[in-house]
Amino acid sequence: MDRLQHTDRTDDIIRNCMASNVPESKIVNRKIEQAYKQIRSMQSMPAAAKTTTDKMSGKNTIRRASAKPRRTSGKKTLSAKYAAAAALFLSTALIFVKNPALAAQIPFIGHIFKSLEQKVSYPGDYSENSVTLPALPAETTGGQEVQQTEQGTASTPWQAVAGGMTVTLSEVSYDSNAIYLALLIENENEFANNAQSSDMMYLECQADMYRADKTKETFCNESGNGLAYMTEGTFTDSHTFKGLVQLTGSGFSLSDYTGCDITFLNFVQELTSGTKVTGTLAGETETISYIEYDRKTYEGPWVFHLDFSDLQTTKQEVPVNQTNDQGFGIEKLVKTNYELYAVPIFPAGAQPGDYVVTIWDSDGNPLESHGDNLEIRSIYGRDVSSVTVYLLKWDDFVECKGNNSYRQPERAIFQATVDLAR
């Protein structure tokens, strides 16, 4: 039975337990907290994942490391496992009866990628390559349930609290040039009921990336090199949002770093209400007007630390090195777990911003963009064993996209078909 099937079966047992009438018990009351920790610790987690806490800094740390499972055998061991599981499920049911909010939250943890990975603008099989983040037992954190840090309050190694809002880092997945996070955001107060969007929130994020030589590179909106600007997902109720965040940028490569601090400074909802602003541009006489929409901002910070010093990512580079008589061409194609992009060649004097690279799959259909970067293409659910690359002028691309994509081959200034299956 694989991890997902096991998790689904566990959910069924828990739901059955919740449906039964459970009497009050003083013993249960004393054991609730202990059982709560057991539930969190038994959440599914790949063998190669381990969570640690930096006791000096109090930062939330997720570390990948190898682990050798111990072998057990014999009827006695198997019986003990079943007995322990039965006791845990009963304790779980009792806790859920007493804590309805917890009952609503548990199914989200470890399942957010699975529920959203096909619905975001950068779809991918993140749940197949993710690290699920469980809570640490109390003895690992020195017996403290809540750790105070300079940036905010961390209630577990994967959870941070600030401004009445709790952000839980449920899962993380890595690509050679991106980090994907699954978040559960719980608001003590209600989220705005007049937001323009029901499936996203803007955010301000700072990523401090650490190199092996202990130097640091900071990515943030203020410097113009931010790696993330929004979270896409869904509001499950007026107090809860679950979403995915993609952190990536031009030239960004995880192999350059050994870890990072990710700080969510705030989350923002743009509202339907606003103020009409009228004016003229400098040097112009025509009057223009627009709506300056109100925004509801939830201030943090919420801080998490990721350790990927032992991370192994796959990246396939296929040399092309073809040009036409004018000097336009393709140097290589780069394929990762979730995306594909081409590195173009331009003649002297050409402005790269005046051109666009598109890629078509083996079935002759253009690949869609993977997130905000126009030229990085999603390979989710597509046959890319062989692809065709087109280099177009920007104006021609604007005329030949969407329903007019079929015109790209005739307008391309360079094209090449590349076999990626080799």
Protein backbone atom coordinates (compact mmCIF):
# COMPACT_ATOMS: atom_id res chain seq x y z
CA MET A 1 0.00 0.00 0.00
CA ASP A 2 1.56 3.33 -1.02
CA ARG A 3 1.69 6.47 1.12
CA LEU A 4 -1.39 8.15 -0.38
CA GLN A 5 -3.52 5.02 -0.15
CA HIS A 6 -2.46 4.57 3.46
CA THR A 7 -3.35 8.19 4.21
CA ASP A 8 -6.78 7.85 2.59
CA ARG A 9 -7.47 4.70 4.62
CA THR A 10 -6.46 6.51 7.79
CA ASP A 11 -8.89 9.33 6.96
CA ASP A 12 -11.71 6.77 6.55
CA ILE A 13 -11.01 5.24 9.97
CA ILE A 14 -10.89 8.66 11.59
CA ARG A 15 -14.20 9.67 10.01
CA ASN A 16 -15.84 6.45 11.23
CA CYS A 17 -14.59 7.13 14.75
CA MET A 18 -15.91 10.69 14.60
CA ALA A 19 -19.38 9.42 13.72
CA SER A 20 -19.72 7.48 16.98
CA ASN A 21 -20.87 8.88 20.34
CA VAL A 22 -17.93 9.31 22.70
CA PRO A 23 -18.51 9.72 26.47
CA GLU A 24 -16.65 12.30 28.55
CA SER A 25 -13.65 11.00 30.48
CA LYS A 26 -11.20 12.63 32.89
CA ILE A 27 -8.49 10.32 31.60
CA VAL A 28 -9.19 11.48 28.05
CA ASN A 29 -8.89 15.09 29.13
CA ARG A 30 -5.45 14.44 30.58
CA LYS A 31 -4.28 12.54 27.51
CA ILE A 32 -5.55 14.89 24.82
CA GLU A 33 -2.33 16.82 24.44
CA GLN A 34 -0.22 13.65 24.29
CA ALA A 35 -2.43 12.13 21.61
CA TYR A 36 -2.36 15.39 19.67
CA LYS A 37 1.43 15.16 19.41
CA GLN A 38 1.22 11.53 18.33
CA ILE A 39 -1.20 12.37 15.52
CA ARG A 40 1.08 15.07 14.18
CA SER A 41 4.18 12.87 14.45
CA MET A 42 2.53 9.97 12.56
CA GLN A 43 1.63 12.07 9.55
CA SER A 44 3.01 10.58 6.34
CA MET A 45 6.58 11.59 5.55
CA PRO A 46 9.09 10.24 2.99
CA ALA A 47 11.99 8.25 4.47
CA ALA A 48 14.43 10.83 3.17
CA ALA A 49 12.85 13.70 5.10
CA LYS A 50 13.62 14.78 8.64
CA THR A 51 12.65 17.97 10.50
CA THR A 52 14.97 19.66 12.94
CA THR A 53 14.85 22.80 15.03
CA ASP A 54 17.65 25.27 15.55
CA LYS A 55 17.40 25.77 19.34
CA MET A 56 19.67 28.81 19.29
CA SER A 57 17.67 30.82 16.74
CA GLY A 58 14.23 29.25 17.14
CA LYS A 59 13.82 29.13 13.36
CA ASN A 60 11.62 26.60 11.68
CA THR A 61 13.93 24.18 9.87
CA ILE A 62 13.13 21.51 7.29
CA ARG A 63 16.08 19.27 6.48
CA ARG A 64 16.43 16.45 3.99
CA ALA A 65 18.55 13.52 5.21
CA SER A 66 18.92 9.82 4.57
CA ALA A 67 17.36 7.32 6.98
CA LYS A 68 17.64 3.52 7.27
CA PRO A 69 14.38 1.88 8.35
CA ARG A 70 14.64 -0.78 11.03
CA ARG A 71 13.29 -4.20 10.18
CA THR A 72 10.67 -5.74 12.45
CA SER A 73 9.08 -9.13 12.21
CA GLY A 74 6.88 -11.58 14.10
CA LYS A 75 3.25 -11.74 15.12
CA LYS A 76 3.94 -10.01 18.43
CA THR A 77 5.34 -6.91 16.71
CA LEU A 78 2.46 -6.82 14.21
CA SER A 79 -0.14 -7.18 16.99
CA ALA A 80 1.51 -4.40 18.94
CA LYS A 81 1.33 -2.13 15.90
CA TYR A 82 -2.38 -2.80 15.41
CA ALA A 83 -3.07 -2.22 19.11
CA ALA A 84 -1.15 1.04 19.10
CA ALA A 85 -2.92 2.18 15.92
CA ALA A 86 -6.35 1.34 17.38
CA ALA A 87 -5.55 3.28 20.56
CA LEU A 88 -4.32 6.23 18.52
CA PHE A 89 -7.43 6.31 16.33
CA LEU A 90 -9.67 6.28 19.41
CA SER A 91 -7.68 9.12 20.93
CA THR A 92 -7.92 10.96 17.61
CA ALA A 93 -11.70 10.65 17.57
CA LEU A 94 -11.96 11.96 21.13
CA ILE A 95 -9.80 14.95 20.29
CA PHE A 96 -11.83 15.75 17.18
CA VAL A 97 -15.09 15.64 19.17
CA LYS A 98 -13.66 18.14 21.63
CA ASN A 99 -11.87 20.28 19.02
CA PRO A 100 -13.99 20.84 15.86
CA ALA A 101 -11.45 23.32 14.49
CA LEU A 102 -8.71 20.68 14.69
CA ALA A 103 -10.96 18.17 12.93
CA ALA A 104 -11.28 20.60 10.04
CA GLN A 105 -7.54 21.29 9.86
CA ILE A 106 -6.02 17.79 10.03
CA PRO A 107 -7.06 16.66 6.51
CA PHE A 108 -5.33 19.69 4.98
CA ILE A 109 -1.88 18.98 6.36
CA GLY A 110 0.09 16.91 3.88
CA HIS A 111 -2.66 17.05 1.23
CA ILE A 112 -2.55 20.62 -0.08
CA PHE A 113 -0.30 19.83 -3.05
CA LYS A 114 -2.57 16.96 -4.01
CA SER A 115 -5.71 19.12 -3.97
CA LEU A 116 -4.30 22.20 -5.73
CA GLU A 117 -1.44 21.11 -8.01
CA GLN A 118 -3.64 20.90 -11.11
CA LYS A 119 -5.53 24.13 -10.42
CA VAL A 120 -2.74 26.71 -10.15
CA SER A 121 -1.14 28.59 -13.04
CA TYR A 122 1.99 26.42 -12.69
CA PRO A 123 0.59 22.86 -12.52
CA GLY A 124 2.86 19.94 -11.68
CA ASP A 125 3.13 16.60 -9.87
CA TYR A 126 4.33 18.29 -6.68
CA SER A 127 2.65 15.76 -4.39
CA GLU A 128 4.76 12.99 -5.98
CA ASN A 129 8.03 14.77 -5.15
CA SER A 130 7.19 16.59 -1.93
CA VAL A 131 8.41 16.51 1.64
CA THR A 132 5.52 16.44 4.14
CA LEU A 133 6.38 18.33 7.29
CA PRO A 134 5.33 16.70 10.59
CA ALA A 135 5.54 18.19 14.06
CA LEU A 136 8.45 17.32 16.30
CA PRO A 137 7.82 15.51 19.61
CA ALA A 138 8.06 17.73 22.69
CA GLU A 139 11.37 16.20 23.81
CA THR A 140 13.01 17.34 20.54
CA THR A 141 12.06 20.94 21.16
CA GLY A 142 13.00 20.93 24.81
CA GLY A 143 9.42 20.39 25.93
CA GLN A 144 8.30 23.84 24.76
CA GLU A 145 5.05 24.01 22.84
CA VAL A 146 5.61 27.60 21.69
CA GLN A 147 8.98 29.04 20.74
CA GLN A 148 9.49 32.81 20.72
CA THR A 149 11.74 34.24 18.02
CA GLU A 150 12.74 37.79 17.13
CA GLN A 151 10.59 37.67 14.00
CA GLY A 152 7.45 36.14 15.51
CA THR A 153 6.04 33.21 17.43
CA ALA A 154 6.60 29.66 16.18
CA SER A 155 4.24 27.07 17.68
CA THR A 156 5.92 24.14 15.91
CA PRO A 157 8.93 23.83 13.59
CA TRP A 158 6.61 24.31 10.59
CA GLN A 159 4.14 26.82 11.96
CA ALA A 160 4.42 30.56 12.66
CA VAL A 161 1.99 32.96 14.33
CA ALA A 162 1.81 36.74 13.95
CA GLY A 163 -0.92 39.37 13.96
CA GLY A 164 -3.65 36.89 14.83
CA MET A 165 -2.85 34.76 11.79
CA THR A 166 -1.24 31.30 11.79
CA VAL A 167 0.71 30.15 8.74
CA THR A 168 1.47 26.43 8.53
CA LEU A 169 4.04 25.12 6.06
CA SER A 170 2.43 21.81 5.09
CA GLU A 171 4.68 20.52 2.30
CA VAL A 172 7.64 21.61 0.21
CA SER A 173 8.84 20.49 -3.22
CA TYR A 174 12.03 21.48 -5.01
CA ASP A 175 13.06 21.91 -8.62
CA SER A 176 16.49 22.90 -9.89
CA ASN A 177 15.37 26.52 -10.23
CA ALA A 178 12.35 26.81 -7.93
CA ILE A 179 10.91 26.12 -4.49
CA TYR A 180 7.23 25.17 -4.16
CA LEU A 181 5.46 25.62 -0.82
CA ALA A 182 2.04 24.41 0.34
CA LEU A 183 0.55 26.72 2.97
CA LEU A 184 -2.40 26.62 5.34
CA ILE A 185 -3.31 30.14 6.50
CA GLU A 186 -5.73 30.51 9.42
CA ASN A 187 -7.05 33.93 10.40
CA GLU A 188 -8.44 34.56 13.90
CA ASN A 189 -10.53 37.31 12.37
CA GLU A 190 -12.32 36.85 9.08
CA PHE A 191 -10.75 37.42 5.70
CA ALA A 192 -12.33 40.19 3.62
CA ASN A 193 -15.74 39.26 2.22
CA ASN A 194 -15.50 41.76 -0.65
CA ALA A 195 -12.18 40.63 -2.16
CA GLN A 196 -11.80 40.70 -5.94
CA SER A 197 -10.34 37.21 -6.01
CA SER A 198 -11.57 34.03 -4.37
CA ASP A 199 -8.49 31.95 -5.28
CA MET A 200 -5.41 34.05 -4.55
CA MET A 201 -3.75 36.58 -2.27
CA TYR A 202 -0.82 38.86 -2.98
CA LEU A 203 2.14 38.60 -0.65
CA GLU A 204 5.43 40.26 0.15
CA CYS A 205 8.17 37.72 0.60
CA GLN A 206 11.86 37.99 1.43
CA ALA A 207 14.17 35.05 0.78
CA ASP A 208 17.64 35.06 2.33
CA MET A 209 19.62 32.43 0.44
CA TYR A 210 22.77 31.04 2.07
CA ARG A 211 25.80 29.77 0.18
CA ALA A 212 28.25 27.11 1.31
CA ASP A 213 30.83 29.82 2.15
CA LYS A 214 28.32 31.36 4.67
CA THR A 215 27.61 34.40 2.48
CA LYS A 216 24.02 35.45 1.91
CA GLU A 217 22.02 36.73 -1.06
CA THR A 218 18.69 38.45 -0.39
CA PHE A 219 15.75 38.36 -2.79
CA CYS A 220 12.88 40.78 -2.06
CA ASN A 221 10.30 42.97 -3.78
CA GLU A 222 11.99 46.14 -2.56
CA SER A 223 15.16 45.25 -4.47
CA GLY A 224 13.19 44.27 -7.56
CA ASN A 225 14.34 40.64 -7.51
CA GLY A 226 11.55 39.05 -5.44
CA LEU A 227 10.96 35.33 -5.96
CA ALA A 228 7.24 35.24 -5.07
CA TYR A 229 4.37 37.72 -5.35
CA MET A 230 1.21 35.71 -4.66
CA THR A 231 -0.25 32.51 -3.33
CA GLU A 232 -2.83 30.66 -5.41
CA GLY A 233 -5.41 28.35 -3.87
CA THR A 234 -8.84 28.56 -2.26
CA PHE A 235 -10.66 29.94 0.77
CA THR A 236 -12.20 26.93 2.48
CA ASP A 237 -14.15 29.23 4.80
CA SER A 238 -14.03 32.86 5.99
CA HIS A 239 -11.11 32.09 8.33
CA THR A 240 -9.04 29.62 6.28
CA PHE A 241 -7.01 29.73 3.05
CA LYS A 242 -4.91 26.92 1.60
CA GLY A 243 -2.56 27.74 -1.23
CA LEU A 244 0.66 27.13 -3.13
CA VAL A 245 3.59 29.51 -3.50
CA GLN A 246 6.18 29.30 -6.27
CA LEU A 247 9.55 30.92 -5.54
CA THR A 248 11.64 31.33 -8.67
CA GLY A 249 13.39 33.98 -10.72
CA SER A 250 15.50 34.61 -13.78
CA GLY A 251 18.81 32.80 -13.41
CA PHE A 252 17.83 31.42 -10.01
CA SER A 253 19.45 28.04 -9.28
CA LEU A 254 19.08 26.06 -6.04
CA SER A 255 22.46 24.42 -6.59
CA ASP A 256 24.07 27.77 -5.68
CA TYR A 257 22.76 27.59 -2.10
CA THR A 258 22.64 25.30 0.91
CA GLY A 259 19.59 26.75 2.66
CA CYS A 260 17.38 29.77 3.06
CA ASP A 261 15.19 31.81 5.40
CA ILE A 262 11.80 32.53 3.86
CA THR A 263 9.97 35.45 5.47
CA PHE A 264 6.38 36.23 4.55
CA LEU A 265 6.13 39.91 5.50
CA ASN A 266 2.44 40.24 4.70
CA PHE A 267 -0.51 38.87 2.75
CA VAL A 268 -2.84 41.21 0.85
CA GLN A 269 -6.37 41.00 -0.55
CA GLU A 270 -7.40 43.55 -3.19
CA LEU A 271 -11.01 44.61 -2.59
CA THR A 272 -13.88 45.54 -4.87
CA SER A 273 -14.22 48.94 -3.17
CA GLY A 274 -12.00 51.83 -4.13
CA THR A 275 -11.60 55.48 -5.07
CA LYS A 276 -11.84 56.95 -8.56
CA VAL A 277 -8.69 58.91 -9.43
CA THR A 278 -8.64 61.43 -12.31
CA GLY A 279 -5.65 63.27 -13.73
CA THR A 280 -3.34 63.86 -16.68
CA LEU A 281 0.05 62.42 -17.48
CA ALA A 282 3.07 64.73 -17.66
CA GLY A 283 3.20 66.39 -21.07
CA GLU A 284 -0.26 65.14 -22.03
CA THR A 285 -3.56 67.00 -22.25
CA GLU A 286 -5.93 64.05 -22.27
CA THR A 287 -7.59 63.34 -18.93
CA ILE A 288 -7.53 59.76 -17.70
CA SER A 289 -9.27 58.10 -14.77
CA TYR A 290 -8.96 54.80 -12.99
CA ILE A 291 -10.07 53.06 -9.79
CA GLU A 292 -7.54 52.82 -7.00
CA TYR A 293 -8.82 49.74 -5.22
CA ASP A 294 -8.71 49.33 -1.46
CA ARG A 295 -6.52 46.61 0.00
CA LYS A 296 -6.70 44.61 3.19
CA THR A 297 -3.24 43.76 4.49
CA TYR A 298 -2.37 41.11 7.07
CA GLU A 299 0.97 41.96 8.65
CA GLY A 300 3.53 39.32 9.66
CA PRO A 301 6.24 38.31 9.69
CA TRP A 302 6.03 34.53 9.40
CA VAL A 303 9.49 32.96 9.09
CA PHE A 304 10.61 29.48 7.98
CA HIS A 305 14.04 27.97 7.38
CA LEU A 306 14.72 25.41 4.68
CA ASP A 307 17.88 23.33 4.53
CA PHE A 308 18.69 21.82 1.13
CA SER A 309 22.41 21.23 1.53
CA ASP A 310 21.85 17.55 0.67
CA LEU A 311 19.17 18.19 -1.95
CA GLN A 312 19.45 16.31 -5.22
CA THR A 313 17.55 17.86 -8.14
CA THR A 314 17.43 16.63 -11.71
CA LYS A 315 18.07 18.87 -14.69
CA GLN A 316 18.54 17.70 -18.27
CA GLU A 317 20.42 20.00 -20.63
CA VAL A 318 20.24 19.17 -24.33
CA PRO A 319 22.71 21.10 -26.55
CA VAL A 320 21.27 22.47 -29.81
CA ASN A 321 23.78 25.11 -30.98
CA GLN A 322 21.97 25.94 -34.20
CA THR A 323 21.70 29.39 -35.84
CA ASN A 324 20.40 30.76 -39.11
CA ASP A 325 22.14 33.12 -41.54
CA GLN A 326 21.06 36.15 -39.50
CA GLY A 327 22.61 34.78 -36.29
CA PHE A 328 19.36 33.84 -34.52
CA GLY A 329 19.23 30.40 -32.96
CA ILE A 330 19.01 28.16 -29.90
CA GLU A 331 21.95 27.24 -27.67
CA LYS A 332 20.27 24.53 -25.60
CA LEU A 333 17.08 23.24 -23.99
CA VAL A 334 16.82 22.76 -20.22
CA LYS A 335 14.27 20.30 -18.80
CA THR A 336 13.50 19.96 -15.07
CA ASN A 337 10.88 18.02 -13.13
CA TYR A 338 8.15 20.51 -13.93
CA GLU A 339 9.22 22.75 -16.78
CA LEU A 340 11.14 23.25 -20.00
CA TYR A 341 12.86 26.31 -21.41
CA ALA A 342 15.20 27.21 -24.27
CA VAL A 343 18.31 29.42 -24.18
CA PRO A 344 18.24 31.57 -27.34
CA ILE A 345 21.15 32.93 -29.39
CA PHE A 346 20.97 36.51 -30.72
CA PRO A 347 23.18 38.31 -33.22
CA ALA A 348 25.18 41.36 -32.15
CA GLY A 349 22.96 44.40 -31.63
CA ALA A 350 19.70 42.48 -31.16
CA GLN A 351 17.67 43.24 -28.02
CA PRO A 352 16.54 39.99 -26.30
CA GLY A 353 13.42 41.75 -25.00
CA ASP A 354 12.20 42.17 -28.58
CA TYR A 355 11.88 38.40 -29.08
CA VAL A 356 9.98 35.47 -27.57
CA VAL A 357 10.76 31.74 -27.54
CA THR A 358 7.84 29.31 -27.72
CA ILE A 359 7.96 25.52 -27.48
CA TRP A 360 5.53 22.97 -28.96
CA ASP A 361 5.13 19.41 -27.68
CA SER A 362 5.39 16.14 -29.62
CA ASP A 363 1.70 16.38 -30.57
CA GLY A 364 2.18 19.75 -32.23
CA ASN A 365 0.57 21.86 -29.49
CA PRO A 366 2.21 24.88 -27.81
CA LEU A 367 3.25 24.46 -24.19
CA GLU A 368 1.76 26.89 -21.68
CA SER A 369 3.80 29.19 -19.48
CA HIS A 370 4.79 27.86 -16.06
CA GLY A 371 3.86 30.68 -13.69
CA ASP A 372 4.77 34.30 -14.39
CA ASN A 373 7.78 33.71 -16.64
CA LEU A 374 6.55 33.81 -20.23
CA GLU A 375 9.28 31.66 -21.76
CA ILE A 376 9.48 28.93 -19.10
CA ARG A 377 6.98 26.28 -20.20
CA SER A 378 5.00 23.75 -18.17
CA ILE A 379 5.42 20.09 -19.14
CA TYR A 380 2.65 18.80 -16.85
CA GLY A 381 0.64 16.13 -18.68
CA ARG A 382 2.42 16.76 -22.00
CA ASP A 383 4.53 14.55 -24.26
CA VAL A 384 7.87 16.34 -24.62
CA SER A 385 9.96 13.43 -25.90
CA SER A 386 10.42 15.60 -28.98
CA VAL A 387 9.71 19.34 -29.14
CA THR A 388 9.85 22.14 -31.70
CA VAL A 389 11.24 25.52 -30.66
CA TYR A 390 10.17 28.76 -32.36
CA LEU A 391 11.87 32.15 -32.00
CA LEU A 392 9.52 35.03 -32.85
CA LYS A 393 9.60 38.80 -32.82
CA TRP A 394 7.55 40.20 -29.96
CA ASP A 395 4.95 41.86 -32.21
CA ASP A 396 4.49 38.63 -34.18
CA PHE A 397 4.08 36.66 -30.95
CA VAL A 398 1.37 39.05 -29.74
CA GLU A 399 -0.55 38.46 -32.99
CA CYS A 400 0.03 34.70 -32.94
CA LYS A 401 -0.84 33.55 -29.43
CA GLY A 402 -3.92 31.95 -27.94
CA ASN A 403 -6.34 30.93 -30.68
CA ASN A 404 -3.88 32.23 -33.27
CA SER A 405 -0.96 30.09 -32.07
CA TYR A 406 -1.21 27.98 -35.23
CA ARG A 407 0.42 30.90 -37.09
CA GLN A 408 3.65 30.78 -35.09
CA PRO A 409 5.53 28.39 -37.43
CA GLU A 410 5.01 30.67 -40.43
CA ARG A 411 6.05 33.81 -38.51
CA ALA A 412 9.07 32.36 -36.73
CA ILE A 413 12.50 33.76 -37.62
CA PHE A 414 14.11 30.54 -36.39
CA GLN A 415 12.86 27.06 -35.57
CA ALA A 416 14.38 23.72 -34.59
CA THR A 417 13.05 20.29 -33.62
CA VAL A 418 14.88 18.67 -30.71
CA ASP A 419 14.76 15.08 -29.45
CA LEU A 420 14.62 15.04 -25.63
CA ALA A 421 14.17 11.28 -25.27
CA ARG A 422 17.86 10.50 -25.84
